[in-house]
Amino acid sequence: GQLADIQRFLDDIKPYYNPASTDEIPHNLTRATDNSILMEMIPTLIIMIILIVAWVLIMKKMGGGGLGGKEMSFGKAKIKNTNDEKRKTTFDDVAGADEEKEELAEVVEFLKAPEKYNKLGARIPKGVLLVGPPGTGKTLLARAVAGEAGVPFFSISGSDFVEMFVGVGASRVRDLFDQAKKNSPCIIFIDEIDA
């Protein structure tokens, strides 16, 4: 095998080593053990295990879950569904904003009894734009409309649609409206739309 080939090679180069000398070329040939392949693979396996553990930890930091978690759910909308019967918000919870409450009460009537308005030829509003400085109760009014109408309330921030990767924001919009269609009729509240 290999030892015989090496011995033949050493015998061939012996005259060139020191032609005047009849001494043997100093060498020590030993047969490699069978576990040398395993010994070569152990460092590679250790490095692979370290890389896999590091990848799982990074994925958990990114969005939680590690393998099979949220790391691949970039396109899913981060919706807060506040359809809690115990904490239902009504117009009584909103202090002030009387004109706004009256206008939104009409929307609630549309949501509660659409057939009454459909007979008259009226169409339900597709949306309501609440504008004002921070802290004036826009979110509370939107929750009150959902609470009065008894429909699910989906809340999401406009900044959730702005992402570094192309297409992620559009995917989140599609996901938001898909979830809203499943829970129709409902109210979608997009806060900070100017983000």
N, C-alpha and C. Protein backbone atom coordinates (compact mmCIF):
# COMPACT_ATOMS: atom_id res chain seq x y z
N GLY A 1 0.81 -1.18 0.00
CA GLY A 1 0.00 0.00 0.00
C GLY A 1 0.86 1.25 0.00
N GLN A 2 0.46 2.19 0.76
CA GLN A 2 1.13 3.50 0.78
C GLN A 2 2.51 3.41 1.42
N LEU A 3 2.66 2.58 2.46
CA LEU A 3 3.96 2.45 3.11
C LEU A 3 5.00 1.88 2.15
N ALA A 4 4.59 0.92 1.34
CA ALA A 4 5.52 0.32 0.37
C ALA A 4 5.93 1.35 -0.67
N ASP A 5 4.99 2.18 -1.11
CA ASP A 5 5.30 3.23 -2.09
C ASP A 5 6.28 4.24 -1.51
N ILE A 6 6.10 4.60 -0.26
CA ILE A 6 7.00 5.56 0.37
C ILE A 6 8.39 4.95 0.53
N GLN A 7 8.44 3.67 0.91
CA GLN A 7 9.74 2.99 1.08
C GLN A 7 10.47 2.92 -0.26
N ARG A 8 9.75 2.61 -1.35
CA ARG A 8 10.36 2.58 -2.68
C ARG A 8 10.90 3.95 -3.06
N PHE A 9 10.14 5.02 -2.74
CA PHE A 9 10.57 6.38 -3.04
C PHE A 9 11.86 6.71 -2.29
N LEU A 10 11.91 6.34 -1.01
CA LEU A 10 13.12 6.59 -0.21
C LEU A 10 14.32 5.81 -0.76
N ASP A 11 14.08 4.58 -1.21
CA ASP A 11 15.18 3.79 -1.80
C ASP A 11 15.67 4.43 -3.09
N ASP A 12 14.73 5.02 -3.86
CA ASP A 12 15.11 5.66 -5.13
C ASP A 12 15.94 6.91 -4.91
N ILE A 13 15.65 7.69 -3.88
CA ILE A 13 16.39 8.94 -3.67
C ILE A 13 17.61 8.75 -2.78
N LYS A 14 17.84 7.52 -2.28
CA LYS A 14 18.96 7.24 -1.39
C LYS A 14 20.31 7.59 -2.03
N PRO A 15 20.56 7.26 -3.28
CA PRO A 15 21.87 7.61 -3.86
C PRO A 15 22.10 9.12 -3.93
N TYR A 16 21.06 9.89 -4.03
CA TYR A 16 21.21 11.34 -4.14
C TYR A 16 21.33 12.01 -2.77
N TYR A 17 20.95 11.29 -1.74
CA TYR A 17 20.99 11.83 -0.38
C TYR A 17 22.43 12.08 0.03
N ASN A 18 23.25 11.08 -0.03
CA ASN A 18 24.68 11.19 0.23
C ASN A 18 25.32 9.98 -0.47
N PRO A 19 25.76 10.16 -1.69
CA PRO A 19 26.24 9.00 -2.46
C PRO A 19 27.40 8.26 -1.78
N ALA A 20 28.24 8.95 -1.04
CA ALA A 20 29.39 8.30 -0.40
C ALA A 20 28.97 7.49 0.81
N SER A 21 27.83 7.81 1.36
CA SER A 21 27.40 7.17 2.59
C SER A 21 26.52 5.97 2.28
N THR A 22 26.71 4.94 3.07
CA THR A 22 25.84 3.77 2.94
C THR A 22 24.77 3.77 4.03
N ASP A 23 24.78 4.87 4.80
CA ASP A 23 23.78 4.97 5.89
C ASP A 23 22.38 5.07 5.31
N GLU A 24 21.51 4.62 6.11
CA GLU A 24 20.09 4.74 5.75
C GLU A 24 19.65 6.19 5.91
N ILE A 25 18.70 6.59 5.08
CA ILE A 25 18.07 7.90 5.26
C ILE A 25 17.23 7.81 6.52
N PRO A 26 17.43 8.73 7.46
CA PRO A 26 16.64 8.62 8.70
C PRO A 26 15.16 8.85 8.39
N HIS A 27 14.39 7.88 8.76
CA HIS A 27 12.94 8.00 8.57
C HIS A 27 12.23 7.10 9.56
N ASN A 28 10.99 7.47 9.82
CA ASN A 28 10.18 6.71 10.75
C ASN A 28 8.79 6.58 10.13
N LEU A 29 8.45 5.42 9.64
CA LEU A 29 7.16 5.19 9.00
C LEU A 29 6.25 4.48 9.99
N THR A 30 5.09 5.06 10.20
CA THR A 30 4.08 4.42 11.05
C THR A 30 2.76 4.41 10.30
N ARG A 31 2.01 3.38 10.53
CA ARG A 31 0.71 3.27 9.87
C ARG A 31 -0.29 4.17 10.61
N ALA A 32 -1.05 4.92 9.81
CA ALA A 32 -2.07 5.78 10.40
C ALA A 32 -3.20 4.92 10.96
N THR A 33 -3.77 5.35 12.06
CA THR A 33 -4.86 4.60 12.65
C THR A 33 -6.14 4.85 11.87
N ASP A 34 -7.14 4.00 12.06
CA ASP A 34 -8.40 4.11 11.33
C ASP A 34 -9.22 5.33 11.74
N ASN A 35 -9.03 5.84 12.94
CA ASN A 35 -9.85 6.96 13.40
C ASN A 35 -9.30 8.31 12.96
N SER A 36 -8.32 8.34 12.06
CA SER A 36 -7.76 9.62 11.62
C SER A 36 -8.80 10.43 10.84
N ILE A 37 -9.66 9.77 10.08
CA ILE A 37 -10.72 10.48 9.35
C ILE A 37 -11.67 11.15 10.34
N LEU A 38 -12.01 10.41 11.39
CA LEU A 38 -12.87 10.97 12.42
C LEU A 38 -12.19 12.15 13.11
N MET A 39 -10.89 12.01 13.36
CA MET A 39 -10.16 13.10 14.01
C MET A 39 -10.10 14.34 13.11
N GLU A 40 -10.08 14.14 11.80
CA GLU A 40 -10.09 15.27 10.88
C GLU A 40 -11.47 15.93 10.83
N MET A 41 -12.53 15.16 11.04
CA MET A 41 -13.89 15.69 10.93
C MET A 41 -14.36 16.40 12.20
N ILE A 42 -13.80 16.06 13.35
CA ILE A 42 -14.25 16.66 14.61
C ILE A 42 -14.16 18.18 14.60
N PRO A 43 -13.06 18.81 14.20
CA PRO A 43 -13.04 20.28 14.18
C PRO A 43 -14.11 20.87 13.25
N THR A 44 -14.33 20.23 12.11
CA THR A 44 -15.36 20.72 11.18
C THR A 44 -16.74 20.62 11.81
N LEU A 45 -17.02 19.50 12.47
CA LEU A 45 -18.32 19.34 13.13
C LEU A 45 -18.51 20.36 14.24
N ILE A 46 -17.47 20.62 15.01
CA ILE A 46 -17.57 21.61 16.09
C ILE A 46 -17.87 22.99 15.52
N ILE A 47 -17.19 23.36 14.45
CA ILE A 47 -17.43 24.68 13.82
C ILE A 47 -18.86 24.75 13.29
N MET A 48 -19.35 23.66 12.66
CA MET A 48 -20.72 23.66 12.14
C MET A 48 -21.73 23.82 13.26
N ILE A 49 -21.53 23.13 14.38
CA ILE A 49 -22.45 23.23 15.51
C ILE A 49 -22.45 24.65 16.07
N ILE A 50 -21.27 25.25 16.19
CA ILE A 50 -21.18 26.64 16.69
C ILE A 50 -21.93 27.59 15.76
N LEU A 51 -21.77 27.42 14.44
CA LEU A 51 -22.47 28.29 13.48
C LEU A 51 -23.98 28.11 13.55
N ILE A 52 -24.46 26.88 13.69
CA ILE A 52 -25.90 26.64 13.79
C ILE A 52 -26.47 27.26 15.05
N VAL A 53 -25.78 27.09 16.17
CA VAL A 53 -26.24 27.69 17.44
C VAL A 53 -26.27 29.21 17.32
N ALA A 54 -25.24 29.80 16.71
CA ALA A 54 -25.21 31.26 16.53
C ALA A 54 -26.36 31.72 15.64
N TRP A 55 -26.66 30.98 14.58
CA TRP A 55 -27.76 31.33 13.67
C TRP A 55 -29.09 31.29 14.41
N VAL A 56 -29.33 30.25 15.20
CA VAL A 56 -30.59 30.14 15.95
C VAL A 56 -30.71 31.30 16.94
N LEU A 57 -29.63 31.65 17.64
CA LEU A 57 -29.68 32.76 18.59
C LEU A 57 -29.97 34.08 17.88
N ILE A 58 -29.37 34.30 16.72
CA ILE A 58 -29.62 35.54 15.97
C ILE A 58 -31.08 35.59 15.52
N MET A 59 -31.63 34.48 15.08
CA MET A 59 -33.03 34.46 14.64
C MET A 59 -33.97 34.73 15.81
N LYS A 60 -33.63 34.24 16.99
CA LYS A 60 -34.46 34.52 18.16
C LYS A 60 -34.43 36.00 18.51
N LYS A 61 -33.27 36.63 18.37
CA LYS A 61 -33.15 38.06 18.64
C LYS A 61 -33.96 38.88 17.64
N MET A 62 -33.95 38.44 16.35
CA MET A 62 -34.62 39.20 15.29
C MET A 62 -36.13 39.25 15.50
N GLY A 63 -36.73 38.16 15.83
CA GLY A 63 -38.18 38.20 15.93
C GLY A 63 -38.75 37.11 16.79
N GLY A 64 -37.92 36.39 17.42
CA GLY A 64 -38.39 35.35 18.31
C GLY A 64 -38.68 34.06 17.56
N GLY A 65 -38.40 32.97 18.20
CA GLY A 65 -38.82 31.71 17.67
C GLY A 65 -37.72 30.76 17.25
N GLY A 66 -36.58 31.25 16.82
CA GLY A 66 -35.54 30.35 16.35
C GLY A 66 -36.02 29.56 15.16
N LEU A 67 -35.83 28.26 15.15
CA LEU A 67 -36.26 27.44 14.03
C LEU A 67 -37.78 27.39 13.98
N GLY A 68 -38.35 27.77 12.84
CA GLY A 68 -39.80 27.73 12.67
C GLY A 68 -40.52 28.86 13.36
N GLY A 69 -39.83 29.91 13.78
CA GLY A 69 -40.47 31.02 14.47
C GLY A 69 -40.84 32.14 13.54
N LYS A 70 -40.67 33.35 14.00
CA LYS A 70 -41.10 34.53 13.25
C LYS A 70 -40.06 35.08 12.31
N GLU A 71 -38.88 34.45 12.23
CA GLU A 71 -37.81 35.05 11.44
C GLU A 71 -38.16 35.15 9.96
N MET A 72 -39.05 34.33 9.46
CA MET A 72 -39.39 34.38 8.05
C MET A 72 -40.75 35.03 7.81
N SER A 73 -41.29 35.72 8.79
CA SER A 73 -42.60 36.34 8.64
C SER A 73 -42.48 37.84 8.44
N PHE A 74 -41.57 38.25 7.56
CA PHE A 74 -41.38 39.67 7.30
C PHE A 74 -42.66 40.31 6.78
N GLY A 75 -43.40 39.60 5.94
CA GLY A 75 -44.55 40.17 5.26
C GLY A 75 -45.83 40.13 6.06
N LYS A 76 -45.80 39.64 7.28
CA LYS A 76 -47.00 39.56 8.09
C LYS A 76 -47.21 40.88 8.84
N ALA A 77 -48.45 41.34 8.83
CA ALA A 77 -48.78 42.60 9.50
C ALA A 77 -48.80 42.39 11.01
N LYS A 78 -48.27 43.36 11.74
CA LYS A 78 -48.24 43.30 13.20
C LYS A 78 -49.50 43.99 13.73
N ILE A 79 -50.62 43.31 13.61
CA ILE A 79 -51.91 43.89 13.94
C ILE A 79 -52.23 43.65 15.41
N LYS A 80 -52.77 44.69 16.05
CA LYS A 80 -53.30 44.54 17.40
C LYS A 80 -54.81 44.41 17.26
N ASN A 81 -55.33 43.22 17.53
CA ASN A 81 -56.77 42.99 17.45
C ASN A 81 -57.35 43.15 18.84
N THR A 82 -58.05 44.24 19.06
CA THR A 82 -58.63 44.49 20.38
C THR A 82 -60.13 44.25 20.30
N ASN A 83 -60.48 42.97 20.33
CA ASN A 83 -61.89 42.57 20.30
C ASN A 83 -62.24 41.97 21.65
N ASP A 84 -61.93 42.69 22.71
CA ASP A 84 -62.11 42.20 24.07
C ASP A 84 -63.42 42.73 24.63
N GLU A 85 -64.30 41.82 25.01
CA GLU A 85 -65.62 42.21 25.53
C GLU A 85 -65.51 42.92 26.89
N LYS A 86 -64.51 42.57 27.69
CA LYS A 86 -64.38 43.16 29.02
C LYS A 86 -63.97 44.62 28.96
N ARG A 87 -63.14 44.96 27.97
CA ARG A 87 -62.64 46.33 27.87
C ARG A 87 -63.23 47.05 26.67
N LYS A 88 -64.47 46.83 26.37
CA LYS A 88 -65.10 47.44 25.21
C LYS A 88 -65.22 48.95 25.44
N THR A 89 -64.72 49.73 24.50
CA THR A 89 -64.77 51.19 24.58
C THR A 89 -66.04 51.68 23.90
N THR A 90 -66.72 52.63 24.54
CA THR A 90 -67.93 53.21 23.96
C THR A 90 -67.78 54.72 23.90
N PHE A 91 -68.78 55.39 23.30
CA PHE A 91 -68.73 56.85 23.21
C PHE A 91 -68.80 57.50 24.60
N ASP A 92 -69.34 56.79 25.59
CA ASP A 92 -69.38 57.33 26.96
C ASP A 92 -67.98 57.47 27.54
N ASP A 93 -67.03 56.67 27.05
CA ASP A 93 -65.65 56.74 27.53
C ASP A 93 -64.89 57.93 26.95
N VAL A 94 -65.44 58.55 25.91
CA VAL A 94 -64.78 59.67 25.24
C VAL A 94 -65.32 60.97 25.82
N ALA A 95 -64.43 61.74 26.44
CA ALA A 95 -64.84 63.04 27.02
C ALA A 95 -64.65 64.11 25.95
N GLY A 96 -65.65 64.96 25.80
CA GLY A 96 -65.56 66.04 24.80
C GLY A 96 -65.77 65.48 23.42
N ALA A 97 -65.31 66.19 22.41
CA ALA A 97 -65.41 65.79 21.00
C ALA A 97 -66.84 65.43 20.63
N ASP A 98 -67.80 66.28 21.04
CA ASP A 98 -69.22 65.98 20.81
C ASP A 98 -69.58 65.93 19.33
N GLU A 99 -69.08 66.87 18.55
CA GLU A 99 -69.38 66.88 17.11
C GLU A 99 -68.84 65.62 16.44
N GLU A 100 -67.64 65.26 16.79
CA GLU A 100 -67.02 64.07 16.20
C GLU A 100 -67.80 62.81 16.58
N LYS A 101 -68.26 62.76 17.83
CA LYS A 101 -69.04 61.60 18.27
C LYS A 101 -70.35 61.50 17.49
N GLU A 102 -71.00 62.64 17.22
CA GLU A 102 -72.25 62.62 16.45
C GLU A 102 -72.01 62.11 15.03
N GLU A 103 -70.94 62.61 14.40
CA GLU A 103 -70.62 62.17 13.04
C GLU A 103 -70.32 60.67 13.01
N LEU A 104 -69.56 60.22 13.98
CA LEU A 104 -69.18 58.81 14.01
C LEU A 104 -70.34 57.91 14.43
N ALA A 105 -71.33 58.47 15.15
CA ALA A 105 -72.52 57.69 15.51
C ALA A 105 -73.27 57.26 14.25
N GLU A 106 -73.23 58.11 13.20
CA GLU A 106 -73.87 57.74 11.93
C GLU A 106 -73.15 56.54 11.31
N VAL A 107 -71.84 56.52 11.40
CA VAL A 107 -71.08 55.37 10.88
C VAL A 107 -71.44 54.11 11.65
N VAL A 108 -71.62 54.25 12.97
CA VAL A 108 -72.01 53.10 13.79
C VAL A 108 -73.37 52.58 13.35
N GLU A 109 -74.31 53.48 13.05
CA GLU A 109 -75.63 53.06 12.59
C GLU A 109 -75.52 52.30 11.27
N PHE A 110 -74.66 52.80 10.38
CA PHE A 110 -74.42 52.09 9.12
C PHE A 110 -73.92 50.67 9.39
N LEU A 111 -72.99 50.54 10.33
CA LEU A 111 -72.41 49.23 10.64
C LEU A 111 -73.41 48.30 11.31
N LYS A 112 -74.28 48.85 12.16
CA LYS A 112 -75.24 48.03 12.90
C LYS A 112 -76.38 47.55 12.01
N ALA A 113 -76.92 48.45 11.18
CA ALA A 113 -78.09 48.11 10.35
C ALA A 113 -77.87 48.56 8.91
N PRO A 114 -77.02 47.89 8.17
CA PRO A 114 -76.74 48.33 6.80
C PRO A 114 -77.94 48.17 5.86
N GLU A 115 -78.80 47.18 6.14
CA GLU A 115 -79.94 46.95 5.25
C GLU A 115 -80.90 48.13 5.23
N LYS A 116 -81.05 48.80 6.35
CA LYS A 116 -81.93 49.98 6.42
C LYS A 116 -81.43 51.08 5.48
N TYR A 117 -80.15 51.28 5.43
CA TYR A 117 -79.58 52.32 4.58
C TYR A 117 -79.47 51.87 3.12
N ASN A 118 -79.29 50.57 2.91
CA ASN A 118 -79.22 50.06 1.54
C ASN A 118 -80.56 50.23 0.82
N LYS A 119 -81.67 50.09 1.56
CA LYS A 119 -83.00 50.30 0.97
C LYS A 119 -83.16 51.73 0.48
N LEU A 120 -82.56 52.66 1.19
CA LEU A 120 -82.65 54.07 0.80
C LEU A 120 -81.64 54.42 -0.30
N GLY A 121 -80.76 53.50 -0.64
CA GLY A 121 -79.76 53.75 -1.68
C GLY A 121 -78.47 54.33 -1.15
N ALA A 122 -78.34 54.42 0.15
CA ALA A 122 -77.11 54.96 0.74
C ALA A 122 -76.05 53.86 0.79
N ARG A 123 -74.81 54.27 0.69
CA ARG A 123 -73.69 53.32 0.78
C ARG A 123 -72.89 53.61 2.04
N ILE A 124 -72.40 52.53 2.65
CA ILE A 124 -71.61 52.69 3.87
C ILE A 124 -70.29 53.37 3.52
N PRO A 125 -69.81 54.26 4.36
CA PRO A 125 -68.53 54.92 4.07
C PRO A 125 -67.40 53.89 4.05
N LYS A 126 -66.47 54.08 3.12
CA LYS A 126 -65.33 53.17 3.02
C LYS A 126 -64.26 53.51 4.05
N GLY A 127 -64.30 54.71 4.58
CA GLY A 127 -63.29 55.08 5.55
C GLY A 127 -63.59 56.42 6.18
N VAL A 128 -62.95 56.67 7.29
CA VAL A 128 -63.07 57.94 8.01
C VAL A 128 -61.66 58.40 8.32
N LEU A 129 -61.38 59.66 8.04
CA LEU A 129 -60.06 60.21 8.31
C LEU A 129 -60.14 61.09 9.55
N LEU A 130 -59.45 60.69 10.60
CA LEU A 130 -59.41 61.46 11.84
C LEU A 130 -58.08 62.21 11.88
N VAL A 131 -58.16 63.53 11.90
CA VAL A 131 -56.97 64.38 11.84
C VAL A 131 -56.93 65.25 13.08
N GLY A 132 -55.74 65.41 13.64
CA GLY A 132 -55.57 66.30 14.79
C GLY A 132 -54.22 66.07 15.44
N PRO A 133 -53.86 66.98 16.34
CA PRO A 133 -52.58 66.83 17.04
C PRO A 133 -52.59 65.61 17.97
N PRO A 134 -51.42 65.17 18.38
CA PRO A 134 -51.34 64.01 19.28
C PRO A 134 -52.09 64.28 20.59
N GLY A 135 -52.74 63.23 21.09
CA GLY A 135 -53.40 63.32 22.38
C GLY A 135 -54.81 63.87 22.34
N THR A 136 -55.40 64.03 21.15
CA THR A 136 -56.76 64.59 21.08
C THR A 136 -57.83 63.52 21.06
N GLY A 137 -57.46 62.25 21.08
CA GLY A 137 -58.45 61.18 21.21
C GLY A 137 -58.84 60.49 19.92
N LYS A 138 -58.02 60.57 18.91
CA LYS A 138 -58.36 59.93 17.63
C LYS A 138 -58.45 58.41 17.78
N THR A 139 -57.48 57.82 18.43
CA THR A 139 -57.48 56.37 18.63
C THR A 139 -58.65 55.95 19.51
N LEU A 140 -58.92 56.71 20.55
CA LEU A 140 -60.04 56.40 21.45
C LEU A 140 -61.37 56.48 20.71
N LEU A 141 -61.53 57.48 19.84
CA LEU A 141 -62.76 57.59 19.04
C LEU A 141 -62.92 56.38 18.12
N ALA A 142 -61.84 55.96 17.49
CA ALA A 142 -61.91 54.80 16.59
C ALA A 142 -62.27 53.54 17.37
N ARG A 143 -61.70 53.37 18.55
CA ARG A 143 -62.05 52.22 19.40
C ARG A 143 -63.51 52.29 19.84
N ALA A 144 -63.97 53.50 20.12
CA ALA A 144 -65.36 53.67 20.55
C ALA A 144 -66.32 53.30 19.42
N VAL A 145 -65.98 53.64 18.19
CA VAL A 145 -66.83 53.26 17.05
C VAL A 145 -66.91 51.74 16.95
N ALA A 146 -65.77 51.07 17.08
CA ALA A 146 -65.76 49.60 17.02
C ALA A 146 -66.53 49.01 18.18
N GLY A 147 -66.37 49.59 19.37
CA GLY A 147 -67.08 49.09 20.54
C GLY A 147 -68.58 49.28 20.43
N GLU A 148 -69.01 50.44 19.95
CA GLU A 148 -70.45 50.71 19.79
C GLU A 148 -71.05 49.81 18.71
N ALA A 149 -70.32 49.58 17.63
CA ALA A 149 -70.85 48.77 16.53
C ALA A 149 -70.71 47.27 16.81
N GLY A 150 -69.87 46.92 17.78
CA GLY A 150 -69.68 45.51 18.10
C GLY A 150 -68.91 44.75 17.03
N VAL A 151 -67.95 45.42 16.42
CA VAL A 151 -67.15 44.79 15.37
C VAL A 151 -65.69 44.74 15.81
N PRO A 152 -64.90 43.82 15.25
CA PRO A 152 -63.48 43.76 15.60
C PRO A 152 -62.75 45.05 15.22
N PHE A 153 -61.72 45.38 15.99
CA PHE A 153 -60.93 46.60 15.79
C PHE A 153 -59.49 46.20 15.58
N PHE A 154 -58.97 46.43 14.37
CA PHE A 154 -57.58 46.12 14.04
C PHE A 154 -56.79 47.42 14.04
N SER A 155 -55.77 47.49 14.88
CA SER A 155 -54.95 48.69 14.99
C SER A 155 -53.53 48.37 14.55
N ILE A 156 -52.98 49.24 13.70
CA ILE A 156 -51.61 49.07 13.23
C ILE A 156 -51.03 50.45 13.00
N SER A 157 -49.72 50.57 13.15
CA SER A 157 -49.05 51.85 12.95
C SER A 157 -48.59 51.97 11.50
N GLY A 158 -48.66 53.17 10.95
CA GLY A 158 -48.21 53.41 9.58
C GLY A 158 -46.74 53.10 9.39
N SER A 159 -45.95 53.25 10.44
CA SER A 159 -44.51 52.98 10.33
C SER A 159 -44.23 51.49 10.15
N ASP A 160 -45.20 50.61 10.46
CA ASP A 160 -45.01 49.18 10.25
C ASP A 160 -44.98 48.82 8.76
N PHE A 161 -45.51 49.72 7.92
CA PHE A 161 -45.52 49.46 6.48
C PHE A 161 -44.23 49.91 5.81
N VAL A 162 -43.42 50.70 6.50
CA VAL A 162 -42.18 51.22 5.92
C VAL A 162 -41.06 50.28 6.35
N GLU A 163 -40.43 49.63 5.38
CA GLU A 163 -39.37 48.68 5.67
C GLU A 163 -38.18 48.91 4.77
N MET A 164 -37.06 48.34 5.17
CA MET A 164 -35.83 48.46 4.40
C MET A 164 -35.90 47.62 3.12
N PHE A 165 -36.62 46.50 3.17
CA PHE A 165 -36.68 45.59 2.04
C PHE A 165 -37.87 45.92 1.15
N VAL A 166 -37.66 45.88 -0.15
CA VAL A 166 -38.70 46.18 -1.12
C VAL A 166 -39.78 45.10 -1.07
N GLY A 167 -41.03 45.52 -1.02
CA GLY A 167 -42.15 44.59 -1.06
C GLY A 167 -42.67 44.15 0.28
N VAL A 168 -41.92 44.38 1.35
CA VAL A 168 -42.36 43.94 2.67
C VAL A 168 -43.56 44.76 3.13
N GLY A 169 -43.50 46.08 2.93
CA GLY A 169 -44.61 46.94 3.34
C GLY A 169 -45.88 46.59 2.59
N ALA A 170 -45.78 46.38 1.28
CA ALA A 170 -46.95 46.01 0.48
C ALA A 170 -47.51 44.66 0.92
N SER A 171 -46.63 43.74 1.28
CA SER A 171 -47.07 42.44 1.76
C SER A 171 -47.83 42.57 3.07
N ARG A 172 -47.38 43.48 3.93
CA ARG A 172 -48.08 43.69 5.20
C ARG A 172 -49.45 44.32 4.99
N VAL A 173 -49.57 45.21 4.02
CA VAL A 173 -50.87 45.80 3.70
C VAL A 173 -51.82 44.71 3.22
N ARG A 174 -51.34 43.84 2.33
CA ARG A 174 -52.18 42.74 1.84
C ARG A 174 -52.60 41.83 2.98
N ASP A 175 -51.66 41.51 3.87
CA ASP A 175 -51.97 40.64 5.01
C ASP A 175 -53.00 41.29 5.92
N LEU A 176 -52.87 42.59 6.15
CA LEU A 176 -53.83 43.32 6.99
C LEU A 176 -55.23 43.21 6.41
N PHE A 177 -55.37 43.46 5.13
CA PHE A 177 -56.70 43.42 4.52
C PHE A 177 -57.23 42.00 4.38
N ASP A 178 -56.35 41.01 4.23
CA ASP A 178 -56.80 39.62 4.22
C ASP A 178 -57.40 39.24 5.57
N GLN A 179 -56.73 39.65 6.65
CA GLN A 179 -57.26 39.36 7.98
C GLN A 179 -58.56 40.11 8.24
N ALA A 180 -58.64 41.34 7.72
CA ALA A 180 -59.86 42.12 7.90
C ALA A 180 -61.03 41.48 7.14
N LYS A 181 -60.77 40.94 5.95
CA LYS A 181 -61.83 40.28 5.18
C LYS A 181 -62.35 39.06 5.92
N LYS A 182 -61.45 38.33 6.59
CA LYS A 182 -61.87 37.16 7.35
C LYS A 182 -62.77 37.54 8.52
N ASN A 183 -62.60 38.74 9.07
CA ASN A 183 -63.36 39.19 10.23
C ASN A 183 -64.37 40.28 9.87
N SER A 184 -64.79 40.31 8.62
CA SER A 184 -65.70 41.37 8.15
C SER A 184 -67.07 41.24 8.81
N PRO A 185 -67.74 42.32 9.14
CA PRO A 185 -67.30 43.71 9.12
C PRO A 185 -66.38 43.99 10.29
N CYS A 186 -65.44 44.88 10.07
CA CYS A 186 -64.50 45.26 11.12
C CYS A 186 -63.99 46.66 10.85
N ILE A 187 -63.21 47.17 11.78
CA ILE A 187 -62.61 48.50 11.63
C ILE A 187 -61.10 48.33 11.63
N ILE A 188 -60.47 48.91 10.59
CA ILE A 188 -59.01 48.93 10.49
C ILE A 188 -58.59 50.34 10.86
N PHE A 189 -57.77 50.47 11.89
CA PHE A 189 -57.28 51.78 12.32
C PHE A 189 -55.78 51.83 12.05
N ILE A 190 -55.38 52.69 11.11
CA ILE A 190 -53.97 52.86 10.79
C ILE A 190 -53.51 54.16 11.44
N ASP A 191 -52.75 54.03 12.51
CA ASP A 191 -52.26 55.19 13.26
C ASP A 191 -50.98 55.71 12.62
N GLU A 192 -50.73 56.98 12.76
CA GLU A 192 -49.51 57.62 12.23
C GLU A 192 -49.33 57.30 10.75
N ILE A 193 -50.37 57.54 9.97
CA ILE A 193 -50.34 57.22 8.54
C ILE A 193 -49.31 58.07 7.80
N ASP A 194 -48.91 59.19 8.38
CA ASP A 194 -47.94 60.07 7.74
C ASP A 194 -46.50 59.65 8.01
N ALA A 195 -46.30 58.50 8.64
CA ALA A 195 -44.94 58.04 8.99
C ALA A 195 -44.14 57.75 7.74
